[in-house]
Full PDB file with SEQRES, HELIX, SHEET, SSBOND, CRYST1, ORIGX, SCALE, CONECT and MASTER records, all heavy atoms in Angstrom:
SEQRES   1 A   41  LYS GLY GLU GLU ASN ASN THR PHE ASN LEU PRO ASN ARG          
SEQRES   2 A   41  LEU LEU ALA VAL SER GLN HIS GLU ALA PHE ILE GLY ILE          
SEQRES   3 A   41  MET LEU SER GLN GLY ILE LYS VAL ILE LEU LEU LYS PRO          
SEQRES   4 A   41  SER GLU                                                      
HELIX    1 AA1 GLU A    4  ASN A    6  5                                   3    
HELIX    2 AA2 ARG A   13  SER A   29  1                                  17    
CRYST1    1.000    1.000    1.000  90.00  90.00  90.00 P 1           1          
ORIGX1      1.000000  0.000000  0.000000        0.00000                         
ORIGX2      0.000000  1.000000  0.000000        0.00000                         
ORIGX3      0.000000  0.000000  1.000000        0.00000                         
SCALE1      1.000000  0.000000  0.000000        0.00000                         
SCALE2      0.000000  1.000000  0.000000        0.00000                         
SCALE3      0.000000  0.000000  1.000000        0.00000                         
ATOM      1  N   LYS A   1      -8.829   9.835 -16.730  1.00  0.00           N  
ATOM      2  CA  LYS A   1     -10.277   9.718 -16.780  1.00  0.00           C  
ATOM      3  C   LYS A   1     -10.932   8.989 -15.617  1.00  0.00           C  
ATOM      4  O   LYS A   1     -11.971   9.454 -15.159  1.00  0.00           O  
ATOM      5  CB  LYS A   1     -10.721   9.022 -18.178  1.00  0.00           C  
ATOM      6  CG  LYS A   1     -10.662   9.951 -19.343  1.00  0.00           C  
ATOM      7  CD  LYS A   1     -11.658  11.120 -19.342  1.00  0.00           C  
ATOM      8  CE  LYS A   1     -11.711  11.939 -20.525  1.00  0.00           C  
ATOM      9  NZ  LYS A   1     -12.668  13.018 -20.412  1.00  0.00           N  
ATOM     10  N   GLY A   2     -10.271   8.040 -15.137  1.00  0.00           N  
ATOM     11  CA  GLY A   2     -10.708   7.308 -14.023  1.00  0.00           C  
ATOM     12  C   GLY A   2     -10.931   8.130 -12.817  1.00  0.00           C  
ATOM     13  O   GLY A   2     -11.855   8.127 -12.150  1.00  0.00           O  
ATOM     14  N   GLU A   3      -9.865   8.991 -12.525  1.00  0.00           N  
ATOM     15  CA  GLU A   3     -10.016   9.908 -11.394  1.00  0.00           C  
ATOM     16  C   GLU A   3     -11.088  10.981 -11.678  1.00  0.00           C  
ATOM     17  O   GLU A   3     -11.860  11.418 -10.788  1.00  0.00           O  
ATOM     18  CB  GLU A   3      -8.619  10.599 -11.174  1.00  0.00           C  
ATOM     19  CG  GLU A   3      -7.641   9.604 -10.704  1.00  0.00           C  
ATOM     20  CD  GLU A   3      -6.252  10.234 -10.286  1.00  0.00           C  
ATOM     21  OE1 GLU A   3      -6.194  11.532 -10.504  1.00  0.00           O  
ATOM     22  OE2 GLU A   3      -5.391   9.493  -9.798  1.00  0.00           O  
ATOM     23  N   GLU A   4     -11.038  11.488 -12.911  1.00  0.00           N  
ATOM     24  CA  GLU A   4     -12.044  12.562 -13.241  1.00  0.00           C  
ATOM     25  C   GLU A   4     -13.528  12.064 -13.155  1.00  0.00           C  
ATOM     26  O   GLU A   4     -14.269  12.748 -12.642  1.00  0.00           O  
ATOM     27  CB  GLU A   4     -11.868  12.988 -14.708  1.00  0.00           C  
ATOM     28  CG  GLU A   4     -12.731  14.118 -15.166  1.00  0.00           C  
ATOM     29  CD  GLU A   4     -12.426  14.546 -16.581  1.00  0.00           C  
ATOM     30  OE1 GLU A   4     -11.235  14.331 -16.931  1.00  0.00           O  
ATOM     31  OE2 GLU A   4     -13.319  15.032 -17.183  1.00  0.00           O  
ATOM     32  N   ASN A   5     -13.781  10.824 -13.441  1.00  0.00           N  
ATOM     33  CA  ASN A   5     -15.048  10.235 -13.388  1.00  0.00           C  
ATOM     34  C   ASN A   5     -15.523   9.692 -11.983  1.00  0.00           C  
ATOM     35  O   ASN A   5     -16.589   9.478 -11.753  1.00  0.00           O  
ATOM     36  CB  ASN A   5     -15.270   8.985 -14.322  1.00  0.00           C  
ATOM     37  CG  ASN A   5     -15.116   9.468 -15.853  1.00  0.00           C  
ATOM     38  OD1 ASN A   5     -15.311  10.561 -16.131  1.00  0.00           O  
ATOM     39  ND2 ASN A   5     -14.719   8.428 -16.636  1.00  0.00           N  
ATOM     40  N   ASN A   6     -14.464   9.768 -11.086  1.00  0.00           N  
ATOM     41  CA  ASN A   6     -14.769   9.304  -9.788  1.00  0.00           C  
ATOM     42  C   ASN A   6     -14.488  10.385  -8.634  1.00  0.00           C  
ATOM     43  O   ASN A   6     -14.076  10.105  -7.584  1.00  0.00           O  
ATOM     44  CB  ASN A   6     -14.007   8.006  -9.424  1.00  0.00           C  
ATOM     45  CG  ASN A   6     -14.531   6.838 -10.054  1.00  0.00           C  
ATOM     46  OD1 ASN A   6     -15.522   6.230  -9.649  1.00  0.00           O  
ATOM     47  ND2 ASN A   6     -14.029   6.571 -11.150  1.00  0.00           N  
ATOM     48  N   THR A   7     -14.700  11.585  -9.052  1.00  0.00           N  
ATOM     49  CA  THR A   7     -14.436  12.779  -8.187  1.00  0.00           C  
ATOM     50  C   THR A   7     -15.123  12.731  -6.807  1.00  0.00           C  
ATOM     51  O   THR A   7     -14.638  12.977  -5.777  1.00  0.00           O  
ATOM     52  CB  THR A   7     -14.791  14.099  -8.885  1.00  0.00           C  
ATOM     53  OG1 THR A   7     -14.040  14.278 -10.101  1.00  0.00           O  
ATOM     54  CG2 THR A   7     -14.626  15.355  -7.935  1.00  0.00           C  
ATOM     55  N   PHE A   8     -16.364  12.177  -6.786  1.00  0.00           N  
ATOM     56  CA  PHE A   8     -17.092  12.043  -5.625  1.00  0.00           C  
ATOM     57  C   PHE A   8     -17.430  10.630  -5.302  1.00  0.00           C  
ATOM     58  O   PHE A   8     -18.339  10.234  -4.599  1.00  0.00           O  
ATOM     59  CB  PHE A   8     -18.398  12.853  -5.707  1.00  0.00           C  
ATOM     60  CG  PHE A   8     -18.237  14.266  -5.845  1.00  0.00           C  
ATOM     61  CD1 PHE A   8     -18.287  14.951  -7.164  1.00  0.00           C  
ATOM     62  CD2 PHE A   8     -17.780  15.099  -4.857  1.00  0.00           C  
ATOM     63  CE1 PHE A   8     -18.067  16.237  -7.472  1.00  0.00           C  
ATOM     64  CE2 PHE A   8     -17.570  16.442  -5.132  1.00  0.00           C  
ATOM     65  CZ  PHE A   8     -17.769  17.008  -6.252  1.00  0.00           C  
ATOM     66  N   ASN A   9     -16.485   9.690  -5.708  1.00  0.00           N  
ATOM     67  CA  ASN A   9     -16.522   8.336  -5.284  1.00  0.00           C  
ATOM     68  C   ASN A   9     -15.081   7.865  -5.073  1.00  0.00           C  
ATOM     69  O   ASN A   9     -14.543   6.884  -5.668  1.00  0.00           O  
ATOM     70  CB  ASN A   9     -17.123   7.519  -6.482  1.00  0.00           C  
ATOM     71  CG  ASN A   9     -17.353   6.045  -6.150  1.00  0.00           C  
ATOM     72  OD1 ASN A   9     -17.576   5.711  -4.984  1.00  0.00           O  
ATOM     73  ND2 ASN A   9     -17.321   5.188  -7.202  1.00  0.00           N  
ATOM     74  N   LEU A  10     -14.511   8.493  -4.208  1.00  0.00           N  
ATOM     75  CA  LEU A  10     -13.040   8.282  -3.802  1.00  0.00           C  
ATOM     76  C   LEU A  10     -12.913   6.987  -3.027  1.00  0.00           C  
ATOM     77  O   LEU A  10     -13.831   6.495  -2.337  1.00  0.00           O  
ATOM     78  CB  LEU A  10     -12.443   9.384  -2.985  1.00  0.00           C  
ATOM     79  CG  LEU A  10     -12.355  10.764  -3.758  1.00  0.00           C  
ATOM     80  CD1 LEU A  10     -11.949  11.833  -2.924  1.00  0.00           C  
ATOM     81  CD2 LEU A  10     -11.439  10.670  -4.938  1.00  0.00           C  
ATOM     82  N   PRO A  11     -11.801   6.270  -3.170  1.00  0.00           N  
ATOM     83  CA  PRO A  11     -11.628   4.930  -2.601  1.00  0.00           C  
ATOM     84  C   PRO A  11     -11.734   4.936  -1.075  1.00  0.00           C  
ATOM     85  O   PRO A  11     -11.215   5.776  -0.401  1.00  0.00           O  
ATOM     86  CB  PRO A  11     -10.304   4.530  -3.055  1.00  0.00           C  
ATOM     87  CG  PRO A  11      -9.617   5.731  -3.397  1.00  0.00           C  
ATOM     88  CD  PRO A  11     -10.499   6.806  -3.846  1.00  0.00           C  
ATOM     89  N   ASN A  12     -12.286   3.778  -0.587  1.00  0.00           N  
ATOM     90  CA  ASN A  12     -12.285   3.595   0.880  1.00  0.00           C  
ATOM     91  C   ASN A  12     -10.890   2.927   1.188  1.00  0.00           C  
ATOM     92  O   ASN A  12     -10.685   1.607   0.821  1.00  0.00           O  
ATOM     93  CB  ASN A  12     -13.478   2.711   1.227  1.00  0.00           C  
ATOM     94  CG  ASN A  12     -13.540   2.306   2.684  1.00  0.00           C  
ATOM     95  OD1 ASN A  12     -12.471   2.119   3.398  1.00  0.00           O  
ATOM     96  ND2 ASN A  12     -14.770   2.295   3.249  1.00  0.00           N  
ATOM     97  N   ARG A  13     -10.120   3.666   1.717  1.00  0.00           N  
ATOM     98  CA  ARG A  13      -8.727   3.194   1.887  1.00  0.00           C  
ATOM     99  C   ARG A  13      -8.475   1.942   2.823  1.00  0.00           C  
ATOM    100  O   ARG A  13      -7.659   1.178   2.678  1.00  0.00           O  
ATOM    101  CB  ARG A  13      -7.811   4.441   2.343  1.00  0.00           C  
ATOM    102  CG  ARG A  13      -7.650   5.346   1.123  1.00  0.00           C  
ATOM    103  CD  ARG A  13      -6.993   6.643   1.589  1.00  0.00           C  
ATOM    104  NE  ARG A  13      -7.995   7.440   2.267  1.00  0.00           N  
ATOM    105  CZ  ARG A  13      -7.783   8.671   2.580  1.00  0.00           C  
ATOM    106  NH1 ARG A  13      -6.783   9.433   2.301  1.00  0.00           N  
ATOM    107  NH2 ARG A  13      -8.830   9.378   3.141  1.00  0.00           N  
ATOM    108  N   LEU A  14      -9.304   2.019   3.873  1.00  0.00           N  
ATOM    109  CA  LEU A  14      -9.305   0.846   4.849  1.00  0.00           C  
ATOM    110  C   LEU A  14      -9.750  -0.400   4.094  1.00  0.00           C  
ATOM    111  O   LEU A  14      -9.135  -1.428   4.332  1.00  0.00           O  
ATOM    112  CB  LEU A  14     -10.198   1.221   6.133  1.00  0.00           C  
ATOM    113  CG  LEU A  14     -10.224   0.098   7.144  1.00  0.00           C  
ATOM    114  CD1 LEU A  14      -8.760  -0.519   7.618  1.00  0.00           C  
ATOM    115  CD2 LEU A  14     -11.046   0.389   8.267  1.00  0.00           C  
ATOM    116  N   LEU A  15     -10.718  -0.285   3.424  1.00  0.00           N  
ATOM    117  CA  LEU A  15     -11.268  -1.497   2.703  1.00  0.00           C  
ATOM    118  C   LEU A  15     -10.310  -1.896   1.712  1.00  0.00           C  
ATOM    119  O   LEU A  15     -10.058  -3.206   1.446  1.00  0.00           O  
ATOM    120  CB  LEU A  15     -12.672  -1.078   1.990  1.00  0.00           C  
ATOM    121  CG  LEU A  15     -13.222  -2.143   1.001  1.00  0.00           C  
ATOM    122  CD1 LEU A  15     -13.524  -3.468   1.841  1.00  0.00           C  
ATOM    123  CD2 LEU A  15     -14.506  -1.695   0.340  1.00  0.00           C  
ATOM    124  N   ALA A  16      -9.537  -0.969   0.939  1.00  0.00           N  
ATOM    125  CA  ALA A  16      -8.632  -1.312  -0.093  1.00  0.00           C  
ATOM    126  C   ALA A  16      -7.428  -2.053   0.591  1.00  0.00           C  
ATOM    127  O   ALA A  16      -6.932  -3.005   0.019  1.00  0.00           O  
ATOM    128  CB  ALA A  16      -8.285  -0.052  -0.902  1.00  0.00           C  
ATOM    129  N   VAL A  17      -7.060  -1.523   1.593  1.00  0.00           N  
ATOM    130  CA  VAL A  17      -5.851  -2.281   2.355  1.00  0.00           C  
ATOM    131  C   VAL A  17      -6.279  -3.641   2.772  1.00  0.00           C  
ATOM    132  O   VAL A  17      -5.343  -4.534   2.540  1.00  0.00           O  
ATOM    133  CB  VAL A  17      -5.438  -1.399   3.560  1.00  0.00           C  
ATOM    134  CG1 VAL A  17      -4.473  -2.201   4.445  1.00  0.00           C  
ATOM    135  CG2 VAL A  17      -4.700  -0.117   3.227  1.00  0.00           C  
ATOM    136  N   SER A  18      -7.434  -3.839   3.298  1.00  0.00           N  
ATOM    137  CA  SER A  18      -7.886  -5.200   3.595  1.00  0.00           C  
ATOM    138  C   SER A  18      -7.937  -6.087   2.362  1.00  0.00           C  
ATOM    139  O   SER A  18      -7.551  -7.248   2.531  1.00  0.00           O  
ATOM    140  CB  SER A  18      -9.292  -5.090   4.262  1.00  0.00           C  
ATOM    141  OG  SER A  18      -9.183  -4.430   5.435  1.00  0.00           O  
ATOM    142  N   GLN A  19      -8.420  -5.549   1.280  1.00  0.00           N  
ATOM    143  CA  GLN A  19      -8.477  -6.371  -0.008  1.00  0.00           C  
ATOM    144  C   GLN A  19      -6.998  -6.641  -0.395  1.00  0.00           C  
ATOM    145  O   GLN A  19      -6.818  -7.863  -0.874  1.00  0.00           O  
ATOM    146  CB  GLN A  19      -9.294  -5.596  -1.036  1.00  0.00           C  
ATOM    147  CG  GLN A  19     -10.668  -5.435  -0.682  1.00  0.00           C  
ATOM    148  CD  GLN A  19     -11.424  -4.530  -1.653  1.00  0.00           C  
ATOM    149  OE1 GLN A  19     -10.828  -3.617  -2.254  1.00  0.00           O  
ATOM    150  NE2 GLN A  19     -12.777  -4.703  -1.793  1.00  0.00           N  
ATOM    151  N   HIS A  20      -6.115  -5.729  -0.384  1.00  0.00           N  
ATOM    152  CA  HIS A  20      -4.642  -6.022  -0.752  1.00  0.00           C  
ATOM    153  C   HIS A  20      -4.131  -7.130   0.205  1.00  0.00           C  
ATOM    154  O   HIS A  20      -3.362  -7.913  -0.259  1.00  0.00           O  
ATOM    155  CB  HIS A  20      -3.954  -4.819  -0.727  1.00  0.00           C  
ATOM    156  CG  HIS A  20      -3.985  -4.022  -1.957  1.00  0.00           C  
ATOM    157  ND1 HIS A  20      -5.099  -3.479  -2.430  1.00  0.00           N  
ATOM    158  CD2 HIS A  20      -3.060  -3.784  -3.009  1.00  0.00           C  
ATOM    159  CE1 HIS A  20      -4.893  -2.854  -3.555  1.00  0.00           C  
ATOM    160  NE2 HIS A  20      -3.715  -3.021  -3.846  1.00  0.00           N  
ATOM    161  N   GLU A  21      -4.473  -7.007   1.478  1.00  0.00           N  
ATOM    162  CA  GLU A  21      -4.074  -7.978   2.459  1.00  0.00           C  
ATOM    163  C   GLU A  21      -4.473  -9.420   1.928  1.00  0.00           C  
ATOM    164  O   GLU A  21      -3.736 -10.426   1.903  1.00  0.00           O  
ATOM    165  CB  GLU A  21      -4.561  -7.771   3.817  1.00  0.00           C  
ATOM    166  CG  GLU A  21      -4.155  -8.772   4.796  1.00  0.00           C  
ATOM    167  CD  GLU A  21      -4.896  -8.593   6.163  1.00  0.00           C  
ATOM    168  OE1 GLU A  21      -5.762  -7.777   6.263  1.00  0.00           O  
ATOM    169  OE2 GLU A  21      -4.541  -9.242   7.103  1.00  0.00           O  
ATOM    170  N   ALA A  22      -5.628  -9.555   1.475  1.00  0.00           N  
ATOM    171  CA  ALA A  22      -6.195 -10.859   1.000  1.00  0.00           C  
ATOM    172  C   ALA A  22      -5.506 -11.235  -0.243  1.00  0.00           C  
ATOM    173  O   ALA A  22      -5.193 -12.374  -0.501  1.00  0.00           O  
ATOM    174  CB  ALA A  22      -7.755 -10.691   0.759  1.00  0.00           C  
ATOM    175  N   PHE A  23      -5.205 -10.294  -1.061  1.00  0.00           N  
ATOM    176  CA  PHE A  23      -4.573 -10.544  -2.394  1.00  0.00           C  
ATOM    177  C   PHE A  23      -3.081 -11.145  -2.128  1.00  0.00           C  
ATOM    178  O   PHE A  23      -2.607 -12.040  -2.781  1.00  0.00           O  
ATOM    179  CB  PHE A  23      -4.567  -9.250  -3.165  1.00  0.00           C  
ATOM    180  CG  PHE A  23      -3.896  -9.397  -4.576  1.00  0.00           C  
ATOM    181  CD1 PHE A  23      -4.061 -10.516  -5.362  1.00  0.00           C  
ATOM    182  CD2 PHE A  23      -2.979  -8.370  -5.074  1.00  0.00           C  
ATOM    183  CE1 PHE A  23      -3.463 -10.683  -6.504  1.00  0.00           C  
ATOM    184  CE2 PHE A  23      -2.365  -8.511  -6.277  1.00  0.00           C  
ATOM    185  CZ  PHE A  23      -2.686  -9.637  -7.061  1.00  0.00           C  
ATOM    186  N   ILE A  24      -2.493 -10.441  -1.153  1.00  0.00           N  
ATOM    187  CA  ILE A  24      -1.079 -10.877  -0.803  1.00  0.00           C  
ATOM    188  C   ILE A  24      -1.168 -12.317  -0.249  1.00  0.00           C  
ATOM    189  O   ILE A  24      -0.384 -13.145  -0.685  1.00  0.00           O  
ATOM    190  CB  ILE A  24      -0.408  -9.912   0.241  1.00  0.00           C  
ATOM    191  CG1 ILE A  24      -0.245  -8.675  -0.374  1.00  0.00           C  
ATOM    192  CG2 ILE A  24       0.710 -10.532   0.932  1.00  0.00           C  
ATOM    193  CD1 ILE A  24       0.249  -7.634   0.663  1.00  0.00           C  
ATOM    194  N   GLY A  25      -2.155 -12.612   0.560  1.00  0.00           N  
ATOM    195  CA  GLY A  25      -2.302 -13.956   0.953  1.00  0.00           C  
ATOM    196  C   GLY A  25      -2.433 -14.993  -0.068  1.00  0.00           C  
ATOM    197  O   GLY A  25      -1.947 -16.182   0.012  1.00  0.00           O  
ATOM    198  N   ILE A  26      -3.243 -14.605  -1.086  1.00  0.00           N  
ATOM    199  CA  ILE A  26      -3.497 -15.559  -2.251  1.00  0.00           C  
ATOM    200  C   ILE A  26      -2.151 -15.874  -2.919  1.00  0.00           C  
ATOM    201  O   ILE A  26      -1.805 -17.008  -3.254  1.00  0.00           O  
ATOM    202  CB  ILE A  26      -4.503 -15.031  -3.161  1.00  0.00           C  
ATOM    203  CG1 ILE A  26      -5.918 -14.935  -2.516  1.00  0.00           C  
ATOM    204  CG2 ILE A  26      -4.559 -15.761  -4.503  1.00  0.00           C  
ATOM    205  CD1 ILE A  26      -7.003 -14.273  -3.282  1.00  0.00           C  
ATOM    206  N   MET A  27      -1.413 -14.776  -3.220  1.00  0.00           N  
ATOM    207  CA  MET A  27      -0.134 -14.964  -3.943  1.00  0.00           C  
ATOM    208  C   MET A  27       0.906 -15.847  -3.080  1.00  0.00           C  
ATOM    209  O   MET A  27       1.518 -16.734  -3.679  1.00  0.00           O  
ATOM    210  CB  MET A  27       0.486 -13.615  -4.246  1.00  0.00           C  
ATOM    211  CG  MET A  27      -0.314 -12.787  -5.303  1.00  0.00           C  
ATOM    212  SD  MET A  27       0.629 -11.378  -5.985  1.00  0.00           S  
ATOM    213  CE  MET A  27       0.404 -10.319  -4.532  1.00  0.00           C  
ATOM    214  N   LEU A  28       0.892 -15.541  -1.809  1.00  0.00           N  
ATOM    215  CA  LEU A  28       1.845 -16.363  -1.021  1.00  0.00           C  
ATOM    216  C   LEU A  28       1.408 -17.792  -0.983  1.00  0.00           C  
ATOM    217  O   LEU A  28       2.264 -18.667  -0.902  1.00  0.00           O  
ATOM    218  CB  LEU A  28       1.978 -15.722   0.424  1.00  0.00           C  
ATOM    219  CG  LEU A  28       2.577 -14.371   0.505  1.00  0.00           C  
ATOM    220  CD1 LEU A  28       2.310 -13.732   1.818  1.00  0.00           C  
ATOM    221  CD2 LEU A  28       4.069 -14.474   0.205  1.00  0.00           C  
ATOM    222  N   SER A  29       0.124 -18.119  -0.986  1.00  0.00           N  
ATOM    223  CA  SER A  29      -0.390 -19.520  -0.934  1.00  0.00           C  
ATOM    224  C   SER A  29       0.055 -20.183  -2.208  1.00  0.00           C  
ATOM    225  O   SER A  29       0.074 -21.436  -2.234  1.00  0.00           O  
ATOM    226  CB  SER A  29      -1.845 -19.454  -0.810  1.00  0.00           C  
ATOM    227  OG  SER A  29      -2.584 -19.072  -1.958  1.00  0.00           O  
ATOM    228  N   GLN A  30       0.214 -19.441  -3.292  1.00  0.00           N  
ATOM    229  CA  GLN A  30       0.613 -20.030  -4.569  1.00  0.00           C  
ATOM    230  C   GLN A  30       2.184 -20.086  -4.674  1.00  0.00           C  
ATOM    231  O   GLN A  30       2.671 -20.456  -5.772  1.00  0.00           O  
ATOM    232  CB  GLN A  30       0.070 -19.305  -5.745  1.00  0.00           C  
ATOM    233  CG  GLN A  30      -1.436 -19.308  -5.644  1.00  0.00           C  
ATOM    234  CD  GLN A  30      -2.074 -20.646  -5.769  1.00  0.00           C  
ATOM    235  OE1 GLN A  30      -1.635 -21.418  -6.592  1.00  0.00           O  
ATOM    236  NE2 GLN A  30      -2.905 -20.875  -4.844  1.00  0.00           N  
ATOM    237  N   GLY A  31       2.868 -19.800  -3.630  1.00  0.00           N  
ATOM    238  CA  GLY A  31       4.414 -19.843  -3.665  1.00  0.00           C  
ATOM    239  C   GLY A  31       5.057 -18.668  -4.275  1.00  0.00           C  
ATOM    240  O   GLY A  31       6.219 -18.739  -4.676  1.00  0.00           O  
ATOM    241  N   ILE A  32       4.352 -17.449  -4.412  1.00  0.00           N  
ATOM    242  CA  ILE A  32       4.871 -16.357  -5.128  1.00  0.00           C  
ATOM    243  C   ILE A  32       5.468 -15.404  -4.055  1.00  0.00           C  
ATOM    244  O   ILE A  32       4.868 -15.087  -2.956  1.00  0.00           O  
ATOM    245  CB  ILE A  32       3.775 -15.537  -5.809  1.00  0.00           C  
ATOM    246  CG1 ILE A  32       3.194 -16.306  -6.892  1.00  0.00           C  
ATOM    247  CG2 ILE A  32       4.331 -14.185  -6.340  1.00  0.00           C  
ATOM    248  CD1 ILE A  32       2.012 -15.806  -7.626  1.00  0.00           C  
ATOM    249  N   LYS A  33       6.697 -15.106  -4.086  1.00  0.00           N  
ATOM    250  CA  LYS A  33       7.372 -14.151  -3.079  1.00  0.00           C  
ATOM    251  C   LYS A  33       6.835 -12.797  -3.424  1.00  0.00           C  
ATOM    252  O   LYS A  33       6.808 -12.360  -4.422  1.00  0.00           O  
ATOM    253  CB  LYS A  33       8.882 -14.275  -3.252  1.00  0.00           C  
ATOM    254  CG  LYS A  33       9.608 -13.420  -2.200  1.00  0.00           C  
ATOM    255  CD  LYS A  33      11.148 -13.463  -2.227  1.00  0.00           C  
ATOM    256  CE  LYS A  33      11.713 -12.590  -1.209  1.00  0.00           C  
ATOM    257  NZ  LYS A  33      13.215 -12.678  -1.062  1.00  0.00           N  
ATOM    258  N   VAL A  34       6.629 -12.048  -2.279  1.00  0.00           N  
ATOM    259  CA  VAL A  34       6.079 -10.718  -2.380  1.00  0.00           C  
ATOM    260  C   VAL A  34       7.071  -9.722  -1.815  1.00  0.00           C  
ATOM    261  O   VAL A  34       7.537 -10.028  -0.586  1.00  0.00           O  
ATOM    262  CB  VAL A  34       4.842 -10.551  -1.618  1.00  0.00           C  
ATOM    263  CG1 VAL A  34       4.331  -9.134  -1.630  1.00  0.00           C  
ATOM    264  CG2 VAL A  34       3.731 -11.435  -2.311  1.00  0.00           C  
ATOM    265  N   ILE A  35       7.530  -8.769  -2.511  1.00  0.00           N  
ATOM    266  CA  ILE A  35       8.286  -7.592  -2.073  1.00  0.00           C  
ATOM    267  C   ILE A  35       7.454  -6.365  -1.826  1.00  0.00           C  
ATOM    268  O   ILE A  35       6.853  -5.927  -2.797  1.00  0.00           O  
ATOM    269  CB  ILE A  35       9.484  -7.233  -3.057  1.00  0.00           C  
ATOM    270  CG1 ILE A  35      10.344  -8.520  -3.216  1.00  0.00           C  
ATOM    271  CG2 ILE A  35      10.302  -6.099  -2.429  1.00  0.00           C  
ATOM    272  CD1 ILE A  35      11.288  -8.331  -4.366  1.00  0.00           C  
ATOM    273  N   LEU A  36       7.239  -6.026  -0.589  1.00  0.00           N  
ATOM    274  CA  LEU A  36       6.266  -4.909  -0.335  1.00  0.00           C  
ATOM    275  C   LEU A  36       6.899  -3.631  -0.078  1.00  0.00           C  
ATOM    276  O   LEU A  36       7.685  -3.421   0.919  1.00  0.00           O  
ATOM    277  CB  LEU A  36       5.437  -5.310   0.953  1.00  0.00           C  
ATOM    278  CG  LEU A  36       4.190  -4.505   1.193  1.00  0.00           C  
ATOM    279  CD1 LEU A  36       3.197  -4.668   0.191  1.00  0.00           C  
ATOM    280  CD2 LEU A  36       3.542  -4.951   2.545  1.00  0.00           C  
ATOM    281  N   LEU A  37       6.832  -2.647  -0.965  1.00  0.00           N  
ATOM    282  CA  LEU A  37       7.261  -1.253  -0.720  1.00  0.00           C  
ATOM    283  C   LEU A  37       6.406  -0.526   0.307  1.00  0.00           C  
ATOM    284  O   LEU A  37       5.224  -0.481   0.212  1.00  0.00           O  
ATOM    285  CB  LEU A  37       7.152  -0.468  -1.977  1.00  0.00           C  
ATOM    286  CG  LEU A  37       8.316  -0.869  -3.058  1.00  0.00           C  
ATOM    287  CD1 LEU A  37       7.986  -0.392  -4.454  1.00  0.00           C  
ATOM    288  CD2 LEU A  37       9.704  -0.307  -2.668  1.00  0.00           C  
ATOM    289  N   LYS A  38       7.010  -0.050   1.394  1.00  0.00           N  
ATOM    290  CA  LYS A  38       6.213   0.633   2.375  1.00  0.00           C  
ATOM    291  C   LYS A  38       5.470   1.796   1.815  1.00  0.00           C  
ATOM    292  O   LYS A  38       6.036   2.620   1.167  1.00  0.00           O  
ATOM    293  CB  LYS A  38       7.095   1.042   3.570  1.00  0.00           C  
ATOM    294  CG  LYS A  38       7.545   0.113   4.594  1.00  0.00           C  
ATOM    295  CD  LYS A  38       8.343   0.647   5.700  1.00  0.00           C  
ATOM    296  CE  LYS A  38       8.675  -0.404   6.807  1.00  0.00           C  
ATOM    297  NZ  LYS A  38       9.427   0.319   7.929  1.00  0.00           N  
ATOM    298  N   PRO A  39       4.170   1.869   2.130  1.00  0.00           N  
ATOM    299  CA  PRO A  39       3.405   3.005   1.545  1.00  0.00           C  
ATOM    300  C   PRO A  39       3.821   4.321   2.296  1.00  0.00           C  
ATOM    301  O   PRO A  39       4.383   4.231   3.363  1.00  0.00           O  
ATOM    302  CB  PRO A  39       1.992   2.660   1.958  1.00  0.00           C  
ATOM    303  CG  PRO A  39       1.998   1.699   3.111  1.00  0.00           C  
ATOM    304  CD  PRO A  39       3.283   0.917   2.924  1.00  0.00           C  
ATOM    305  N   SER A  40       3.730   5.438   1.604  1.00  0.00           N  
ATOM    306  CA  SER A  40       4.074   6.677   2.112  1.00  0.00           C  
ATOM    307  C   SER A  40       3.061   7.794   1.740  1.00  0.00           C  
ATOM    308  O   SER A  40       2.547   7.649   0.682  1.00  0.00           O  
ATOM    309  CB  SER A  40       5.492   7.141   1.566  1.00  0.00           C  
ATOM    310  OG  SER A  40       5.833   8.442   1.824  1.00  0.00           O  
ATOM    311  N   GLU A  41       2.860   8.737   2.642  1.00  0.00           N  
ATOM    312  CA  GLU A  41       1.942   9.767   2.414  1.00  0.00           C  
ATOM    313  C   GLU A  41       2.408  10.723   1.343  1.00  0.00           C  
ATOM    314  O   GLU A  41       1.667  11.503   0.685  1.00  0.00           O  
ATOM    315  CB  GLU A  41       1.710  10.576   3.672  1.00  0.00           C  
ATOM    316  CG  GLU A  41       0.514  11.493   3.637  1.00  0.00           C  
ATOM    317  CD  GLU A  41       0.258  12.292   4.992  1.00  0.00           C  
ATOM    318  OE1 GLU A  41       0.953  11.900   5.981  1.00  0.00           O  
ATOM    319  OE2 GLU A  41      -0.598  13.203   4.918  1.00  0.00           O  
TER     320      GLU A  41                                                      
MASTER        0    0    0    2    0    0    0    6  319    1    0    4          
END                                                                             
């Protein structure tokens, strides 16, 4: 339903990557180890 309701409001991928970068930084600052799976098309 989330995808269906956002047909014409698709995610800004550059913004999303930047937000995930910030999220990763927060986790690392709290001593959480991060295993990052390389994204793939």
